[in-house]
C-alpha atoms as a PDB file:
ATOM      1  CA  MET A   1     -16.855 -44.145   3.218  1.00  0.00           C
ATOM      2  CA  ILE A   2     -20.375 -45.408   4.041  1.00  0.00           C
ATOM      3  CA  GLU A   3     -21.402 -48.991   3.295  1.00  0.00           C
ATOM      4  CA  GLY A   4     -23.410 -51.907   4.664  1.00  0.00           C
ATOM      5  CA  ALA A   5     -22.805 -55.524   5.644  1.00  0.00           C
ATOM      6  CA  ASP A   6     -25.464 -58.185   6.246  1.00  0.00           C
ATOM      7  CA  GLY A   7     -28.023 -55.448   6.843  1.00  0.00           C
ATOM      8  CA  LEU A   8     -25.693 -53.399   9.054  1.00  0.00           C
ATOM      9  CA  HIS A   9     -24.917 -49.784   8.201  1.00  0.00           C
ATOM     10  CA  PHE A  10     -21.324 -48.744   8.834  1.00  0.00           C
ATOM     11  CA  GLU A  11     -18.929 -45.890   8.126  1.00  0.00           C
ATOM     12  CA  VAL A  12     -15.135 -46.003   7.846  1.00  0.00           C
ATOM     13  CA  HIS A  13     -13.218 -42.855   8.782  1.00  0.00           C
ATOM     14  CA  ASP A  14      -9.583 -42.990   7.750  1.00  0.00           C
ATOM     15  CA  GLY A  15      -6.876 -41.890  10.153  1.00  0.00           C
ATOM     16  CA  PRO A  16      -3.125 -41.520   9.673  1.00  0.00           C
ATOM     17  CA  GLU A  17      -1.499 -43.916   7.214  1.00  0.00           C
ATOM     18  CA  GLY A  18      -0.901 -47.294   8.843  1.00  0.00           C
ATOM     19  CA  ALA A  19      -2.970 -46.434  11.909  1.00  0.00           C
ATOM     20  CA  ALA A  20      -4.630 -49.135  13.982  1.00  0.00           C
ATOM     21  CA  THR A  21      -8.398 -49.498  13.697  1.00  0.00           C
ATOM     22  CA  VAL A  22     -10.946 -48.707  16.409  1.00  0.00           C
ATOM     23  CA  ILE A  23     -14.554 -49.871  16.090  1.00  0.00           C
ATOM     24  CA  LEU A  24     -17.156 -48.052  18.173  1.00  0.00           C
ATOM     25  CA  SER A  25     -20.252 -49.853  19.455  1.00  0.00           C
ATOM     26  CA  ALA A  26     -23.067 -47.794  20.975  1.00  0.00           C
ATOM     27  CA  GLY A  27     -25.410 -48.629  23.830  1.00  0.00           C
ATOM     28  CA  LEU A  28     -29.104 -49.483  23.798  1.00  0.00           C
ATOM     29  CA  GLY A  29     -29.968 -46.718  21.319  1.00  0.00           C
ATOM     30  CA  GLY A  30     -27.620 -48.407  18.880  1.00  0.00           C
ATOM     31  CA  SER A  31     -26.702 -45.446  16.672  1.00  0.00           C
ATOM     32  CA  GLY A  32     -23.120 -44.830  15.651  1.00  0.00           C
ATOM     33  CA  ALA A  33     -23.888 -41.117  15.933  1.00  0.00           C
ATOM     34  CA  PHE A  34     -23.652 -41.554  19.706  1.00  0.00           C
ATOM     35  CA  TRP A  35     -19.872 -41.344  19.319  1.00  0.00           C
ATOM     36  CA  GLU A  36     -19.734 -37.953  17.591  1.00  0.00           C
ATOM     37  CA  PRO A  37     -18.005 -36.324  20.633  1.00  0.00           C
ATOM     38  CA  GLN A  38     -15.153 -38.854  20.284  1.00  0.00           C
ATOM     39  CA  MET A  39     -14.568 -38.714  16.541  1.00  0.00           C
ATOM     40  CA  GLN A  40     -12.149 -35.800  16.276  1.00  0.00           C
ATOM     41  CA  ALA A  41      -9.916 -37.137  19.043  1.00  0.00           C
ATOM     42  CA  LEU A  42      -9.895 -40.674  17.653  1.00  0.00           C
ATOM     43  CA  THR A  43      -9.397 -39.945  13.948  1.00  0.00           C
ATOM     44  CA  GLN A  44      -6.239 -37.988  14.732  1.00  0.00           C
ATOM     45  CA  ALA A  45      -4.595 -41.294  15.685  1.00  0.00           C
ATOM     46  CA  PHE A  46      -6.765 -44.152  14.383  1.00  0.00           C
ATOM     47  CA  ARG A  47      -8.827 -45.501  11.542  1.00  0.00           C
ATOM     48  CA  VAL A  48     -12.352 -45.505  13.003  1.00  0.00           C
ATOM     49  CA  ILE A  49     -15.362 -47.671  12.157  1.00  0.00           C
ATOM     50  CA  LEU A  50     -18.847 -46.597  13.223  1.00  0.00           C
ATOM     51  CA  TYR A  51     -21.906 -48.787  12.795  1.00  0.00           C
ATOM     52  CA  ASP A  52     -25.576 -48.858  13.759  1.00  0.00           C
ATOM     53  CA  HIS A  53     -26.669 -51.905  15.726  1.00  0.00           C
ATOM     54  CA  ARG A  54     -29.048 -54.288  14.011  1.00  0.00           C
ATOM     55  CA  GLY A  55     -32.610 -53.054  14.501  1.00  0.00           C
ATOM     56  CA  THR A  56     -31.562 -49.420  14.970  1.00  0.00           C
ATOM     57  CA  GLY A  57     -30.492 -46.352  13.007  1.00  0.00           C
ATOM     58  CA  ARG A  58     -29.845 -47.000   9.335  1.00  0.00           C
ATOM     59  CA  SER A  59     -29.274 -50.734   9.765  1.00  0.00           C
ATOM     60  CA  ASP A  60     -31.882 -53.432   9.113  1.00  0.00           C
ATOM     61  CA  ARG A  61     -34.781 -52.465  11.383  1.00  0.00           C
ATOM     62  CA  SER A  62     -35.582 -56.057  12.328  1.00  0.00           C
ATOM     63  CA  LEU A  63     -33.683 -58.575  14.427  1.00  0.00           C
ATOM     64  CA  LYS A  64     -32.733 -62.129  13.600  1.00  0.00           C
ATOM     65  CA  PRO A  65     -34.393 -64.908  15.626  1.00  0.00           C
ATOM     66  CA  ASP A  66     -33.042 -65.574  19.125  1.00  0.00           C
ATOM     67  CA  HIS A  67     -31.426 -62.163  19.465  1.00  0.00           C
ATOM     68  CA  SER A  68     -28.731 -62.059  22.146  1.00  0.00           C
ATOM     69  CA  VAL A  69     -25.560 -60.262  23.152  1.00  0.00           C
ATOM     70  CA  ALA A  70     -23.679 -63.067  21.398  1.00  0.00           C
ATOM     71  CA  ALA A  71     -25.540 -62.146  18.211  1.00  0.00           C
ATOM     72  CA  MET A  72     -24.466 -58.530  18.740  1.00  0.00           C
ATOM     73  CA  ALA A  73     -20.858 -59.715  18.977  1.00  0.00           C
ATOM     74  CA  GLY A  74     -21.383 -61.611  15.733  1.00  0.00           C
ATOM     75  CA  ASP A  75     -22.562 -58.410  14.081  1.00  0.00           C
ATOM     76  CA  ILE A  76     -19.306 -56.717  15.093  1.00  0.00           C
ATOM     77  CA  VAL A  77     -17.426 -59.510  13.332  1.00  0.00           C
ATOM     78  CA  ALA A  78     -19.604 -58.994  10.243  1.00  0.00           C
ATOM     79  CA  VAL A  79     -18.618 -55.322  10.148  1.00  0.00           C
ATOM     80  CA  LEU A  80     -14.943 -56.175  10.627  1.00  0.00           C
ATOM     81  CA  ASP A  81     -15.158 -58.665   7.764  1.00  0.00           C
ATOM     82  CA  ALA A  82     -16.923 -56.181   5.492  1.00  0.00           C
ATOM     83  CA  THR A  83     -14.246 -53.554   6.158  1.00  0.00           C
ATOM     84  CA  ARG A  84     -11.435 -56.095   5.670  1.00  0.00           C
ATOM     85  CA  THR A  85     -10.276 -55.558   9.229  1.00  0.00           C
ATOM     86  CA  ASP A  86      -8.523 -58.566  10.724  1.00  0.00           C
ATOM     87  CA  ARG A  87      -8.216 -57.067  14.181  1.00  0.00           C
ATOM     88  CA  ALA A  88      -9.420 -53.881  15.876  1.00  0.00           C
ATOM     89  CA  HIS A  89      -9.603 -52.167  19.218  1.00  0.00           C
ATOM     90  CA  LEU A  90     -13.202 -51.942  20.383  1.00  0.00           C
ATOM     91  CA  VAL A  91     -14.855 -49.194  22.412  1.00  0.00           C
ATOM     92  CA  GLY A  92     -18.333 -50.102  23.614  1.00  0.00           C
ATOM     93  CA  HIS A  93     -20.896 -48.253  25.711  1.00  0.00           C
ATOM     94  CA  ALA A  94     -23.146 -50.422  27.929  1.00  0.00           C
ATOM     95  CA  ALA A  95     -24.750 -52.831  25.414  1.00  0.00           C
ATOM     96  CA  GLY A  96     -21.812 -52.262  23.069  1.00  0.00           C
ATOM     97  CA  GLY A  97     -19.316 -52.906  25.848  1.00  0.00           C
ATOM     98  CA  ASN A  98     -21.082 -56.121  26.811  1.00  0.00           C
ATOM     99  CA  ALA A  99     -20.926 -57.211  23.172  1.00  0.00           C
ATOM    100  CA  GLY A 100     -17.201 -56.461  23.250  1.00  0.00           C
ATOM    101  CA  LEU A 101     -16.746 -58.710  26.280  1.00  0.00           C
ATOM    102  CA  GLN A 102     -18.660 -61.451  24.470  1.00  0.00           C
ATOM    103  CA  LEU A 103     -16.481 -60.987  21.386  1.00  0.00           C
ATOM    104  CA  ALA A 104     -13.366 -61.322  23.542  1.00  0.00           C
ATOM    105  CA  LEU A 105     -14.631 -64.761  24.546  1.00  0.00           C
ATOM    106  CA  ASP A 106     -15.994 -65.915  21.193  1.00  0.00           C
ATOM    107  CA  GLN A 107     -13.329 -64.651  18.771  1.00  0.00           C
ATOM    108  CA  PRO A 108     -10.450 -63.210  20.808  1.00  0.00           C
ATOM    109  CA  GLU A 109      -8.136 -63.027  17.790  1.00  0.00           C
ATOM    110  CA  ARG A 110     -10.293 -60.296  16.221  1.00  0.00           C
ATOM    111  CA  LEU A 111      -9.879 -57.975  19.200  1.00  0.00           C
ATOM    112  CA  GLY A 112      -6.984 -55.742  20.213  1.00  0.00           C
ATOM    113  CA  LYS A 113      -7.655 -53.607  23.267  1.00  0.00           C
ATOM    114  CA  LEU A 114     -11.140 -53.355  24.715  1.00  0.00           C
ATOM    115  CA  VAL A 115     -12.839 -50.370  26.350  1.00  0.00           C
ATOM    116  CA  VAL A 116     -16.036 -51.139  28.272  1.00  0.00           C
ATOM    117  CA  VAL A 117     -18.001 -48.036  29.280  1.00  0.00           C
ATOM    118  CA  ASN A 118     -20.716 -48.620  31.889  1.00  0.00           C
ATOM    119  CA  GLY A 119     -20.860 -52.350  31.240  1.00  0.00           C
ATOM    120  CA  TRP A 120     -21.619 -55.378  33.383  1.00  0.00           C
ATOM    121  CA  SER A 121     -20.977 -59.121  33.491  1.00  0.00           C
ATOM    122  CA  ARG A 122     -24.119 -60.555  35.079  1.00  0.00           C
ATOM    123  CA  PRO A 123     -27.766 -59.609  35.720  1.00  0.00           C
ATOM    124  CA  ASP A 124     -28.226 -56.907  38.354  1.00  0.00           C
ATOM    125  CA  PRO A 125     -31.466 -56.046  40.206  1.00  0.00           C
ATOM    126  CA  HIS A 126     -31.006 -52.278  39.957  1.00  0.00           C
ATOM    127  CA  VAL A 127     -30.277 -52.329  36.223  1.00  0.00           C
ATOM    128  CA  ALA A 128     -33.212 -54.690  35.710  1.00  0.00           C
ATOM    129  CA  ARG A 129     -35.543 -52.373  37.636  1.00  0.00           C
ATOM    130  CA  CYS A 130     -34.499 -49.426  35.435  1.00  0.00           C
ATOM    131  CA  PHE A 131     -35.017 -51.414  32.251  1.00  0.00           C
ATOM    132  CA  VAL A 132     -38.391 -52.709  33.429  1.00  0.00           C
ATOM    133  CA  ALA A 133     -39.516 -49.131  34.097  1.00  0.00           C
ATOM    134  CA  ARG A 134     -38.483 -48.108  30.587  1.00  0.00           C
ATOM    135  CA  THR A 135     -40.185 -51.197  29.164  1.00  0.00           C
ATOM    136  CA  ARG A 136     -43.438 -50.373  30.933  1.00  0.00           C
ATOM    137  CA  LEU A 137     -43.324 -46.819  29.582  1.00  0.00           C
ATOM    138  CA  LEU A 138     -42.783 -48.067  26.049  1.00  0.00           C
ATOM    139  CA  GLU A 139     -45.514 -50.702  26.252  1.00  0.00           C
ATOM    140  CA  ALA A 140     -48.099 -48.424  27.855  1.00  0.00           C
ATOM    141  CA  PHE A 141     -47.438 -45.057  26.206  1.00  0.00           C
ATOM    142  CA  GLY A 142     -45.171 -45.619  23.212  1.00  0.00           C
ATOM    143  CA  PRO A 143     -41.850 -44.198  21.986  1.00  0.00           C
ATOM    144  CA  ALA A 144     -42.617 -40.533  22.761  1.00  0.00           C
ATOM    145  CA  ALA A 145     -43.001 -41.249  26.492  1.00  0.00           C
ATOM    146  CA  TYR A 146     -39.871 -43.415  26.450  1.00  0.00           C
ATOM    147  CA  VAL A 147     -37.861 -40.633  24.802  1.00  0.00           C
ATOM    148  CA  GLU A 148     -39.203 -38.020  27.224  1.00  0.00           C
ATOM    149  CA  ALA A 149     -38.070 -40.087  30.227  1.00  0.00           C
ATOM    150  CA  GLN A 150     -34.755 -41.183  28.725  1.00  0.00           C
ATOM    151  CA  PRO A 151     -32.638 -38.202  29.922  1.00  0.00           C
ATOM    152  CA  LEU A 152     -33.416 -39.158  33.533  1.00  0.00           C
ATOM    153  CA  PHE A 153     -31.464 -42.371  32.998  1.00  0.00           C
ATOM    154  CA  LEU A 154     -28.647 -40.865  30.929  1.00  0.00           C
ATOM    155  CA  TYR A 155     -27.659 -37.483  32.354  1.00  0.00           C
ATOM    156  CA  PRO A 156     -26.962 -35.737  35.684  1.00  0.00           C
ATOM    157  CA  PRO A 157     -29.843 -33.617  37.029  1.00  0.00           C
ATOM    158  CA  ASP A 158     -28.003 -30.305  36.672  1.00  0.00           C
ATOM    159  CA  TRP A 159     -27.036 -31.117  33.087  1.00  0.00           C
ATOM    160  CA  ILE A 160     -30.662 -31.883  32.241  1.00  0.00           C
ATOM    161  CA  SER A 161     -31.816 -28.547  33.667  1.00  0.00           C
ATOM    162  CA  GLU A 162     -29.117 -26.610  31.842  1.00  0.00           C
ATOM    163  CA  ASN A 163     -29.798 -28.398  28.533  1.00  0.00           C
ATOM    164  CA  ASP A 164     -33.593 -28.539  28.668  1.00  0.00           C
ATOM    165  CA  ALA A 165     -34.072 -26.607  25.412  1.00  0.00           C
ATOM    166  CA  ARG A 166     -31.628 -28.868  23.577  1.00  0.00           C
ATOM    167  CA  LEU A 167     -33.302 -32.025  24.870  1.00  0.00           C
ATOM    168  CA  LYS A 168     -36.735 -30.760  23.833  1.00  0.00           C
ATOM    169  CA  SER A 169     -35.511 -29.843  20.355  1.00  0.00           C
ATOM    170  CA  GLU A 170     -33.919 -33.265  19.869  1.00  0.00           C
ATOM    171  CA  ALA A 171     -36.906 -35.272  21.114  1.00  0.00           C
ATOM    172  CA  ALA A 172     -38.829 -35.313  17.829  1.00  0.00           C
ATOM    173  CA  HIS A 173     -35.745 -36.556  15.989  1.00  0.00           C
ATOM    174  CA  HIS A 174     -35.251 -39.372  18.506  1.00  0.00           C
ATOM    175  CA  VAL A 175     -38.921 -40.383  18.296  1.00  0.00           C
ATOM    176  CA  ALA A 176     -38.804 -40.426  14.494  1.00  0.00           C
ATOM    177  CA  GLY A 177     -35.741 -42.678  14.524  1.00  0.00           C
ATOM    178  CA  PHE A 178     -36.866 -44.884  17.395  1.00  0.00           C
ATOM    179  CA  PRO A 179     -36.583 -48.647  16.797  1.00  0.00           C
ATOM    180  CA  ARG A 180     -39.739 -50.689  16.485  1.00  0.00           C
ATOM    181  CA  PRO A 181     -41.047 -51.352  20.009  1.00  0.00           C
ATOM    182  CA  ASP A 182     -40.707 -55.117  19.610  1.00  0.00           C
ATOM    183  CA  VAL A 183     -37.078 -54.635  18.564  1.00  0.00           C
ATOM    184  CA  MET A 184     -36.309 -52.411  21.537  1.00  0.00           C
ATOM    185  CA  LEU A 185     -37.970 -54.850  23.923  1.00  0.00           C
ATOM    186  CA  ALA A 186     -35.953 -57.745  22.472  1.00  0.00           C
ATOM    187  CA  ARG A 187     -32.728 -55.743  22.847  1.00  0.00           C
ATOM    188  CA  ILE A 188     -33.546 -55.015  26.481  1.00  0.00           C
ATOM    189  CA  GLU A 189     -34.366 -58.676  27.099  1.00  0.00           C
ATOM    190  CA  ALA A 190     -31.002 -59.701  25.642  1.00  0.00           C
ATOM    191  CA  LEU A 191     -29.160 -57.308  27.947  1.00  0.00           C
ATOM    192  CA  LEU A 192     -31.032 -58.529  31.013  1.00  0.00           C
ATOM    193  CA  ALA A 193     -30.129 -62.132  30.137  1.00  0.00           C
ATOM    194  CA  PHE A 194     -26.423 -61.400  29.600  1.00  0.00           C
ATOM    195  CA  ASP A 195     -24.230 -63.328  32.053  1.00  0.00           C
ATOM    196  CA  ILE A 196     -20.545 -64.099  31.506  1.00  0.00           C
ATOM    197  CA  ASP A 197     -19.461 -63.516  35.089  1.00  0.00           C
ATOM    198  CA  GLU A 198     -17.875 -66.928  35.568  1.00  0.00           C
ATOM    199  CA  ARG A 199     -15.910 -66.579  32.306  1.00  0.00           C
ATOM    200  CA  LEU A 200     -14.242 -63.202  32.899  1.00  0.00           C
ATOM    201  CA  GLY A 201     -10.976 -64.847  33.893  1.00  0.00           C
ATOM    202  CA  ALA A 202     -10.675 -66.266  30.365  1.00  0.00           C
ATOM    203  CA  ILE A 203     -10.426 -62.798  28.775  1.00  0.00           C
ATOM    204  CA  PRO A 204      -6.699 -61.996  28.340  1.00  0.00           C
ATOM    205  CA  HIS A 205      -7.055 -58.658  26.549  1.00  0.00           C
ATOM    206  CA  SER A 206      -5.983 -55.331  27.930  1.00  0.00           C
ATOM    207  CA  VAL A 207      -9.273 -53.752  29.037  1.00  0.00           C
ATOM    208  CA  LEU A 208     -10.157 -50.249  30.164  1.00  0.00           C
ATOM    209  CA  ILE A 209     -13.214 -50.299  32.394  1.00  0.00           C
ATOM    210  CA  SER A 210     -14.695 -46.814  32.336  1.00  0.00           C
ATOM    211  CA  ALA A 211     -17.570 -45.625  34.514  1.00  0.00           C
ATOM    212  CA  SER A 212     -19.092 -42.564  36.120  1.00  0.00           C
ATOM    213  CA  ALA A 213     -19.585 -42.187  39.852  1.00  0.00           C
ATOM    214  CA  ASP A 214     -23.086 -40.752  39.358  1.00  0.00           C
ATOM    215  CA  ASP A 215     -24.418 -43.212  36.769  1.00  0.00           C
ATOM    216  CA  MET A 216     -27.935 -44.018  37.994  1.00  0.00           C
ATOM    217  CA  LEU A 217     -28.640 -46.647  35.315  1.00  0.00           C
ATOM    218  CA  VAL A 218     -25.524 -48.819  35.629  1.00  0.00           C
ATOM    219  CA  PRO A 219     -23.968 -48.248  39.081  1.00  0.00           C
ATOM    220  CA  PRO A 220     -20.162 -48.010  39.082  1.00  0.00           C
ATOM    221  CA  ARG A 221     -19.918 -51.018  41.410  1.00  0.00           C
ATOM    222  CA  LEU A 222     -20.673 -53.162  38.346  1.00  0.00           C
ATOM    223  CA  SER A 223     -17.629 -51.705  36.612  1.00  0.00           C
ATOM    224  CA  ARG A 224     -15.542 -52.352  39.714  1.00  0.00           C
ATOM    225  CA  ARG A 225     -16.695 -55.967  39.597  1.00  0.00           C
ATOM    226  CA  LEU A 226     -15.495 -56.234  36.011  1.00  0.00           C
ATOM    227  CA  ALA A 227     -12.136 -54.671  36.805  1.00  0.00           C
ATOM    228  CA  GLU A 228     -11.576 -56.989  39.751  1.00  0.00           C
ATOM    229  CA  ALA A 229     -12.439 -60.145  37.820  1.00  0.00           C
ATOM    230  CA  LEU A 230     -10.683 -59.456  34.505  1.00  0.00           C
ATOM    231  CA  PRO A 231      -7.001 -60.506  34.431  1.00  0.00           C
ATOM    232  CA  ASN A 232      -5.693 -57.373  32.679  1.00  0.00           C
ATOM    233  CA  ALA A 233      -8.028 -54.474  33.437  1.00  0.00           C
ATOM    234  CA  THR A 234      -7.626 -50.804  34.313  1.00  0.00           C
ATOM    235  CA  LEU A 235     -10.505 -49.047  36.102  1.00  0.00           C
ATOM    236  CA  ASP A 236     -11.237 -45.372  35.533  1.00  0.00           C
ATOM    237  CA  VAL A 237     -14.207 -43.795  37.327  1.00  0.00           C
ATOM    238  CA  ALA A 238     -15.153 -40.272  36.277  1.00  0.00           C
ATOM    239  CA  PRO A 239     -16.424 -38.134  39.168  1.00  0.00           C
ATOM    240  CA  TRP A 240     -19.423 -36.779  37.225  1.00  0.00           C
ATOM    241  CA  GLY A 241     -21.330 -37.127  33.995  1.00  0.00           C
ATOM    242  CA  GLY A 242     -24.053 -39.743  34.381  1.00  0.00           C
ATOM    243  CA  HIS A 243     -24.576 -42.764  32.168  1.00  0.00           C
ATOM    244  CA  ALA A 244     -23.714 -40.731  29.063  1.00  0.00           C
ATOM    245  CA  PHE A 245     -20.563 -39.140  30.473  1.00  0.00           C
ATOM    246  CA  THR A 246     -18.872 -39.815  27.129  1.00  0.00           C
ATOM    247  CA  GLN A 247     -21.002 -36.849  26.005  1.00  0.00           C
ATOM    248  CA  THR A 248     -21.397 -34.721  29.127  1.00  0.00           C
ATOM    249  CA  ALA A 249     -17.692 -34.971  30.081  1.00  0.00           C
ATOM    250  CA  ALA A 250     -16.292 -35.790  26.653  1.00  0.00           C
ATOM    251  CA  ASP A 251     -12.925 -34.027  26.890  1.00  0.00           C
ATOM    252  CA  ALA A 252     -11.841 -35.904  30.002  1.00  0.00           C
ATOM    253  CA  PHE A 253     -13.115 -39.218  28.665  1.00  0.00           C
ATOM    254  CA  ASN A 254     -11.417 -38.699  25.295  1.00  0.00           C
ATOM    255  CA  ALA A 255      -8.057 -37.968  26.916  1.00  0.00           C
ATOM    256  CA  THR A 256      -8.203 -41.187  28.935  1.00  0.00           C
ATOM    257  CA  LEU A 257      -9.492 -43.192  25.977  1.00  0.00           C
ATOM    258  CA  VAL A 258      -6.778 -42.138  23.539  1.00  0.00           C
ATOM    259  CA  ALA A 259      -4.048 -42.555  26.165  1.00  0.00           C
ATOM    260  CA  PHE A 260      -5.201 -46.112  26.844  1.00  0.00           C
ATOM    261  CA  LEU A 261      -5.462 -47.084  23.184  1.00  0.00           C
ATOM    262  CA  LEU A 262      -2.020 -45.649  22.454  1.00  0.00           C
ATOM    263  CA  GLY A 263      -0.491 -47.462  25.425  1.00  0.00           C
ATOM    264  CA  ASP A 264       0.159 -44.341  27.489  1.00  0.00           C
ATOM    265  CA  LEU A 265      -2.142 -45.269  30.375  1.00  0.00           C
END
């Protein structure tokens, strides 16, 4: 089933009768299609909601005034309301994980378990430097240059070399679907301003903090910080896979993800 809520495009994929619901929130790119490598594993056990972040994909291509991570958390609530979902587990990658942390603070009753993949709790100089570099590329040369450089931030070097033809074939599609530059810049600004570090102790939910040892965009030490500060967190660091290890090492990630959501981890 494909529908929309308050300008947000979402899809509901039914699982077994009576199954709990999982909502998936992508990273900076914002597209629900990011989670395609997880769908088969998740729909075997859960009802799954995908959505495109505001300003991206098939959702409203503009942002509301004063865009922030808190506004992103509010959009998750809008999707839950539209799908008549009182409470759901949330799996979020980077920006989506940060929005999940914000949701845990703002409306904790709407959240079951939380999975934060490559997230953070406060501004970090290395992450900021990476985002500034991407911002400069976008401002100076436009979306095509941004898309061309993007694999350097997302994937391990060997994976990039081995998948060069695939990345080149996908580039035109990514450029065609790229958010408006002002929207992308506002999304980056919101992520750089995100800071809930002093409030992590107020999040009671069971949280899986998932990271990759070779993530060059969001270093795994930021995930370790989250795991240490959250009251009920489990840390899992994959040995390889880069920032997008949910794609490059999907089978291992999926096994850990499903085990955690089912209570077997």
